[in-house]
Amino acid sequence: MKALIDITTMTDDACADDNGVGRFVYMMQKKLEEKRAEGRRGWNRPHGPGQWDGCAIEHLQELQREALAKGNQVAVANYAMMIWNRQHPTG
């Protein structure tokens, strides 16, 4: 990722919004990539008979609460993305 202008110095609100979202999404993707490399997977699949590698939404919610307590905003956002997609599987 190339170096970006300090977001706190941007005076164009739309530019700040776009850059803020872009930078945050980049960090979310980087964190997801790191966790996949550690063997984490299955957030998008329910846990149950015949679905051994899935994950219950309640477990994702608990992990999100733990990340929030630790102040890990990127993980909080990733868990929010996972939970939202599980609750709205067709978008």
N, C-alpha and C. Protein backbone atom coordinates (compact mmCIF):
# COMPACT_ATOMS: atom_id res chain seq x y z
N MET A 1 0.85 -1.18 0.00
CA MET A 1 0.00 0.00 0.00
C MET A 1 0.89 1.23 0.00
N LYS A 2 0.61 2.16 -0.87
CA LYS A 2 1.41 3.37 -0.94
C LYS A 2 1.08 4.28 0.24
N ALA A 3 2.02 5.13 0.57
CA ALA A 3 1.81 6.07 1.66
C ALA A 3 0.70 7.05 1.28
N LEU A 4 -0.15 7.32 2.20
CA LEU A 4 -1.26 8.23 1.96
C LEU A 4 -1.07 9.50 2.77
N ILE A 5 -1.79 10.52 2.37
CA ILE A 5 -1.79 11.79 3.10
C ILE A 5 -2.41 11.57 4.47
N ASP A 6 -1.90 12.26 5.45
CA ASP A 6 -2.44 12.21 6.81
C ASP A 6 -3.93 12.55 6.75
N ILE A 7 -4.75 11.62 7.17
CA ILE A 7 -6.21 11.79 7.07
C ILE A 7 -6.70 12.99 7.87
N THR A 8 -6.00 13.35 8.93
CA THR A 8 -6.45 14.46 9.77
C THR A 8 -6.21 15.82 9.12
N THR A 9 -5.45 15.83 8.01
CA THR A 9 -5.20 17.11 7.33
C THR A 9 -6.08 17.29 6.10
N MET A 10 -6.92 16.32 5.79
CA MET A 10 -7.77 16.42 4.61
C MET A 10 -8.94 17.35 4.88
N THR A 11 -9.16 18.30 3.98
CA THR A 11 -10.26 19.24 4.15
C THR A 11 -11.46 18.89 3.28
N ASP A 12 -11.27 18.04 2.29
CA ASP A 12 -12.37 17.58 1.44
C ASP A 12 -13.01 16.38 2.12
N ASP A 13 -14.25 16.53 2.58
CA ASP A 13 -14.92 15.48 3.34
C ASP A 13 -15.06 14.19 2.55
N ALA A 14 -15.42 14.29 1.28
CA ALA A 14 -15.58 13.09 0.45
C ALA A 14 -14.25 12.37 0.29
N CYS A 15 -13.19 13.13 0.12
CA CYS A 15 -11.85 12.55 -0.02
C CYS A 15 -11.44 11.85 1.29
N ALA A 16 -11.73 12.49 2.41
CA ALA A 16 -11.41 11.89 3.70
C ALA A 16 -12.21 10.61 3.91
N ASP A 17 -13.50 10.64 3.54
CA ASP A 17 -14.33 9.43 3.65
C ASP A 17 -13.76 8.31 2.80
N ASP A 18 -13.49 8.61 1.54
CA ASP A 18 -12.99 7.58 0.62
C ASP A 18 -11.65 7.02 1.08
N ASN A 19 -10.75 7.89 1.49
CA ASN A 19 -9.45 7.44 1.95
C ASN A 19 -9.56 6.67 3.26
N GLY A 20 -10.40 7.15 4.16
CA GLY A 20 -10.58 6.46 5.43
C GLY A 20 -11.10 5.05 5.25
N VAL A 21 -12.13 4.91 4.40
CA VAL A 21 -12.69 3.59 4.14
C VAL A 21 -11.65 2.71 3.44
N GLY A 22 -10.98 3.23 2.44
CA GLY A 22 -9.98 2.46 1.71
C GLY A 22 -8.86 1.96 2.61
N ARG A 23 -8.37 2.83 3.47
CA ARG A 23 -7.29 2.44 4.38
C ARG A 23 -7.76 1.38 5.37
N PHE A 24 -8.99 1.54 5.86
CA PHE A 24 -9.51 0.60 6.85
C PHE A 24 -9.76 -0.76 6.21
N VAL A 25 -10.33 -0.77 5.00
CA VAL A 25 -10.58 -2.03 4.29
C VAL A 25 -9.26 -2.75 4.03
N TYR A 26 -8.24 -2.00 3.67
CA TYR A 26 -6.92 -2.60 3.45
C TYR A 26 -6.46 -3.33 4.71
N MET A 27 -6.61 -2.68 5.87
CA MET A 27 -6.18 -3.30 7.12
C MET A 27 -7.05 -4.51 7.47
N MET A 28 -8.35 -4.43 7.16
CA MET A 28 -9.23 -5.58 7.40
C MET A 28 -8.77 -6.77 6.55
N GLN A 29 -8.49 -6.52 5.27
CA GLN A 29 -8.06 -7.59 4.39
C GLN A 29 -6.73 -8.18 4.83
N LYS A 30 -5.82 -7.33 5.26
CA LYS A 30 -4.51 -7.79 5.73
C LYS A 30 -4.68 -8.70 6.95
N LYS A 31 -5.54 -8.30 7.88
CA LYS A 31 -5.79 -9.09 9.09
C LYS A 31 -6.42 -10.44 8.72
N LEU A 32 -7.38 -10.44 7.80
CA LEU A 32 -8.00 -11.69 7.36
C LEU A 32 -6.97 -12.61 6.71
N GLU A 33 -6.09 -12.05 5.91
CA GLU A 33 -5.03 -12.83 5.26
C GLU A 33 -4.12 -13.47 6.31
N GLU A 34 -3.74 -12.70 7.33
CA GLU A 34 -2.88 -13.23 8.40
C GLU A 34 -3.57 -14.39 9.12
N LYS A 35 -4.85 -14.23 9.41
CA LYS A 35 -5.58 -15.28 10.13
C LYS A 35 -5.76 -16.53 9.27
N ARG A 36 -5.97 -16.35 7.96
CA ARG A 36 -6.05 -17.53 7.06
C ARG A 36 -4.73 -18.29 7.08
N ALA A 37 -3.62 -17.56 7.08
CA ALA A 37 -2.30 -18.18 7.11
C ALA A 37 -2.09 -18.97 8.40
N GLU A 38 -2.78 -18.57 9.47
CA GLU A 38 -2.72 -19.29 10.75
C GLU A 38 -3.68 -20.47 10.78
N GLY A 39 -4.45 -20.65 9.71
CA GLY A 39 -5.37 -21.78 9.63
C GLY A 39 -6.80 -21.46 10.02
N ARG A 40 -7.10 -20.19 10.27
CA ARG A 40 -8.48 -19.81 10.61
C ARG A 40 -9.33 -19.84 9.37
N ARG A 41 -10.51 -20.43 9.48
CA ARG A 41 -11.43 -20.48 8.36
C ARG A 41 -12.80 -20.89 8.87
N GLY A 42 -13.81 -20.78 8.01
CA GLY A 42 -15.12 -21.31 8.33
C GLY A 42 -16.15 -20.31 8.81
N TRP A 43 -15.79 -19.02 8.91
CA TRP A 43 -16.76 -18.04 9.42
C TRP A 43 -18.02 -18.00 8.56
N ASN A 44 -17.87 -18.30 7.28
CA ASN A 44 -18.99 -18.19 6.35
C ASN A 44 -19.86 -19.44 6.30
N ARG A 45 -19.53 -20.44 7.09
CA ARG A 45 -20.30 -21.68 7.09
C ARG A 45 -20.82 -21.96 8.51
N PRO A 46 -22.06 -22.41 8.61
CA PRO A 46 -22.59 -22.75 9.93
C PRO A 46 -21.91 -24.00 10.48
N HIS A 47 -21.92 -24.11 11.77
CA HIS A 47 -21.37 -25.30 12.43
C HIS A 47 -22.53 -26.24 12.73
N GLY A 48 -22.35 -27.48 12.42
CA GLY A 48 -23.41 -28.45 12.68
C GLY A 48 -23.11 -29.77 12.00
N PRO A 49 -24.04 -30.67 12.01
CA PRO A 49 -23.83 -31.97 11.39
C PRO A 49 -23.40 -31.83 9.93
N GLY A 50 -22.30 -32.46 9.60
CA GLY A 50 -21.79 -32.40 8.24
C GLY A 50 -21.07 -31.11 7.90
N GLN A 51 -20.96 -30.21 8.87
CA GLN A 51 -20.30 -28.92 8.64
C GLN A 51 -19.30 -28.67 9.77
N TRP A 52 -18.37 -29.57 9.92
CA TRP A 52 -17.43 -29.55 11.04
C TRP A 52 -16.54 -28.32 11.09
N ASP A 53 -16.31 -27.70 9.95
CA ASP A 53 -15.38 -26.58 9.94
C ASP A 53 -16.06 -25.22 9.98
N GLY A 54 -17.36 -25.19 10.25
CA GLY A 54 -18.08 -23.92 10.30
C GLY A 54 -17.99 -23.25 11.65
N CYS A 55 -18.75 -22.19 11.80
CA CYS A 55 -18.69 -21.37 13.01
C CYS A 55 -20.08 -20.82 13.33
N ALA A 56 -20.50 -20.93 14.57
CA ALA A 56 -21.79 -20.39 15.00
C ALA A 56 -21.72 -18.86 15.06
N ILE A 57 -22.80 -18.21 14.68
CA ILE A 57 -22.85 -16.75 14.75
C ILE A 57 -22.60 -16.28 16.19
N GLU A 58 -23.13 -17.00 17.15
CA GLU A 58 -22.92 -16.63 18.57
C GLU A 58 -21.44 -16.62 18.93
N HIS A 59 -20.68 -17.54 18.35
CA HIS A 59 -19.24 -17.57 18.61
C HIS A 59 -18.57 -16.34 18.00
N LEU A 60 -18.98 -15.97 16.79
CA LEU A 60 -18.44 -14.77 16.16
C LEU A 60 -18.76 -13.53 16.99
N GLN A 61 -19.96 -13.48 17.56
CA GLN A 61 -20.36 -12.35 18.39
C GLN A 61 -19.50 -12.28 19.66
N GLU A 62 -19.20 -13.42 20.24
CA GLU A 62 -18.35 -13.45 21.43
C GLU A 62 -16.93 -12.99 21.08
N LEU A 63 -16.41 -13.45 19.97
CA LEU A 63 -15.07 -13.02 19.53
C LEU A 63 -15.05 -11.52 19.27
N GLN A 64 -16.15 -10.99 18.73
CA GLN A 64 -16.23 -9.55 18.48
C GLN A 64 -16.21 -8.77 19.80
N ARG A 65 -16.95 -9.26 20.78
CA ARG A 65 -16.94 -8.59 22.10
C ARG A 65 -15.54 -8.60 22.71
N GLU A 66 -14.84 -9.71 22.57
CA GLU A 66 -13.47 -9.80 23.09
C GLU A 66 -12.55 -8.82 22.37
N ALA A 67 -12.68 -8.73 21.05
CA ALA A 67 -11.86 -7.79 20.29
C ALA A 67 -12.16 -6.36 20.69
N LEU A 68 -13.42 -6.05 20.93
CA LEU A 68 -13.81 -4.71 21.36
C LEU A 68 -13.20 -4.39 22.73
N ALA A 69 -13.24 -5.34 23.63
CA ALA A 69 -12.66 -5.13 24.96
C ALA A 69 -11.16 -4.88 24.89
N LYS A 70 -10.52 -5.47 23.90
CA LYS A 70 -9.07 -5.29 23.70
C LYS A 70 -8.75 -4.02 22.91
N GLY A 71 -9.78 -3.37 22.34
CA GLY A 71 -9.56 -2.18 21.54
C GLY A 71 -9.05 -2.47 20.14
N ASN A 72 -9.27 -3.68 19.66
CA ASN A 72 -8.81 -4.09 18.33
C ASN A 72 -9.89 -3.78 17.31
N GLN A 73 -9.91 -2.54 16.83
CA GLN A 73 -10.97 -2.07 15.94
C GLN A 73 -11.03 -2.81 14.62
N VAL A 74 -9.89 -3.21 14.08
CA VAL A 74 -9.88 -3.94 12.81
C VAL A 74 -10.55 -5.30 12.99
N ALA A 75 -10.24 -6.00 14.07
CA ALA A 75 -10.88 -7.29 14.33
C ALA A 75 -12.38 -7.11 14.58
N VAL A 76 -12.75 -6.06 15.30
CA VAL A 76 -14.18 -5.78 15.54
C VAL A 76 -14.90 -5.62 14.21
N ALA A 77 -14.30 -4.87 13.30
CA ALA A 77 -14.91 -4.66 11.99
C ALA A 77 -14.98 -5.96 11.19
N ASN A 78 -13.94 -6.77 11.26
CA ASN A 78 -13.97 -8.04 10.54
C ASN A 78 -15.07 -8.95 11.08
N TYR A 79 -15.21 -9.00 12.39
CA TYR A 79 -16.29 -9.81 12.96
C TYR A 79 -17.65 -9.25 12.57
N ALA A 80 -17.79 -7.91 12.53
CA ALA A 80 -19.05 -7.31 12.09
C ALA A 80 -19.35 -7.73 10.66
N MET A 81 -18.34 -7.72 9.80
CA MET A 81 -18.52 -8.15 8.41
C MET A 81 -18.98 -9.60 8.35
N MET A 82 -18.34 -10.45 9.14
CA MET A 82 -18.69 -11.87 9.15
C MET A 82 -20.12 -12.09 9.62
N ILE A 83 -20.47 -11.44 10.73
CA ILE A 83 -21.81 -11.60 11.30
C ILE A 83 -22.87 -11.07 10.32
N TRP A 84 -22.62 -9.90 9.76
CA TRP A 84 -23.59 -9.33 8.82
C TRP A 84 -23.79 -10.26 7.62
N ASN A 85 -22.72 -10.77 7.08
CA ASN A 85 -22.83 -11.66 5.92
C ASN A 85 -23.52 -12.97 6.26
N ARG A 86 -23.31 -13.48 7.46
CA ARG A 86 -24.01 -14.69 7.87
C ARG A 86 -25.50 -14.43 8.04
N GLN A 87 -25.85 -13.24 8.54
CA GLN A 87 -27.25 -12.90 8.74
C GLN A 87 -27.94 -12.49 7.44
N HIS A 88 -27.16 -12.12 6.44
CA HIS A 88 -27.68 -11.70 5.12
C HIS A 88 -26.91 -12.46 4.04
N PRO A 89 -27.07 -13.78 3.97
CA PRO A 89 -26.22 -14.59 3.09
C PRO A 89 -26.33 -14.31 1.60
N THR A 90 -27.39 -13.64 1.19
CA THR A 90 -27.52 -13.31 -0.24
C THR A 90 -27.33 -11.82 -0.51
N GLY A 91 -26.87 -11.09 0.52
CA GLY A 91 -26.60 -9.67 0.34
C GLY A 91 -27.72 -8.79 0.44
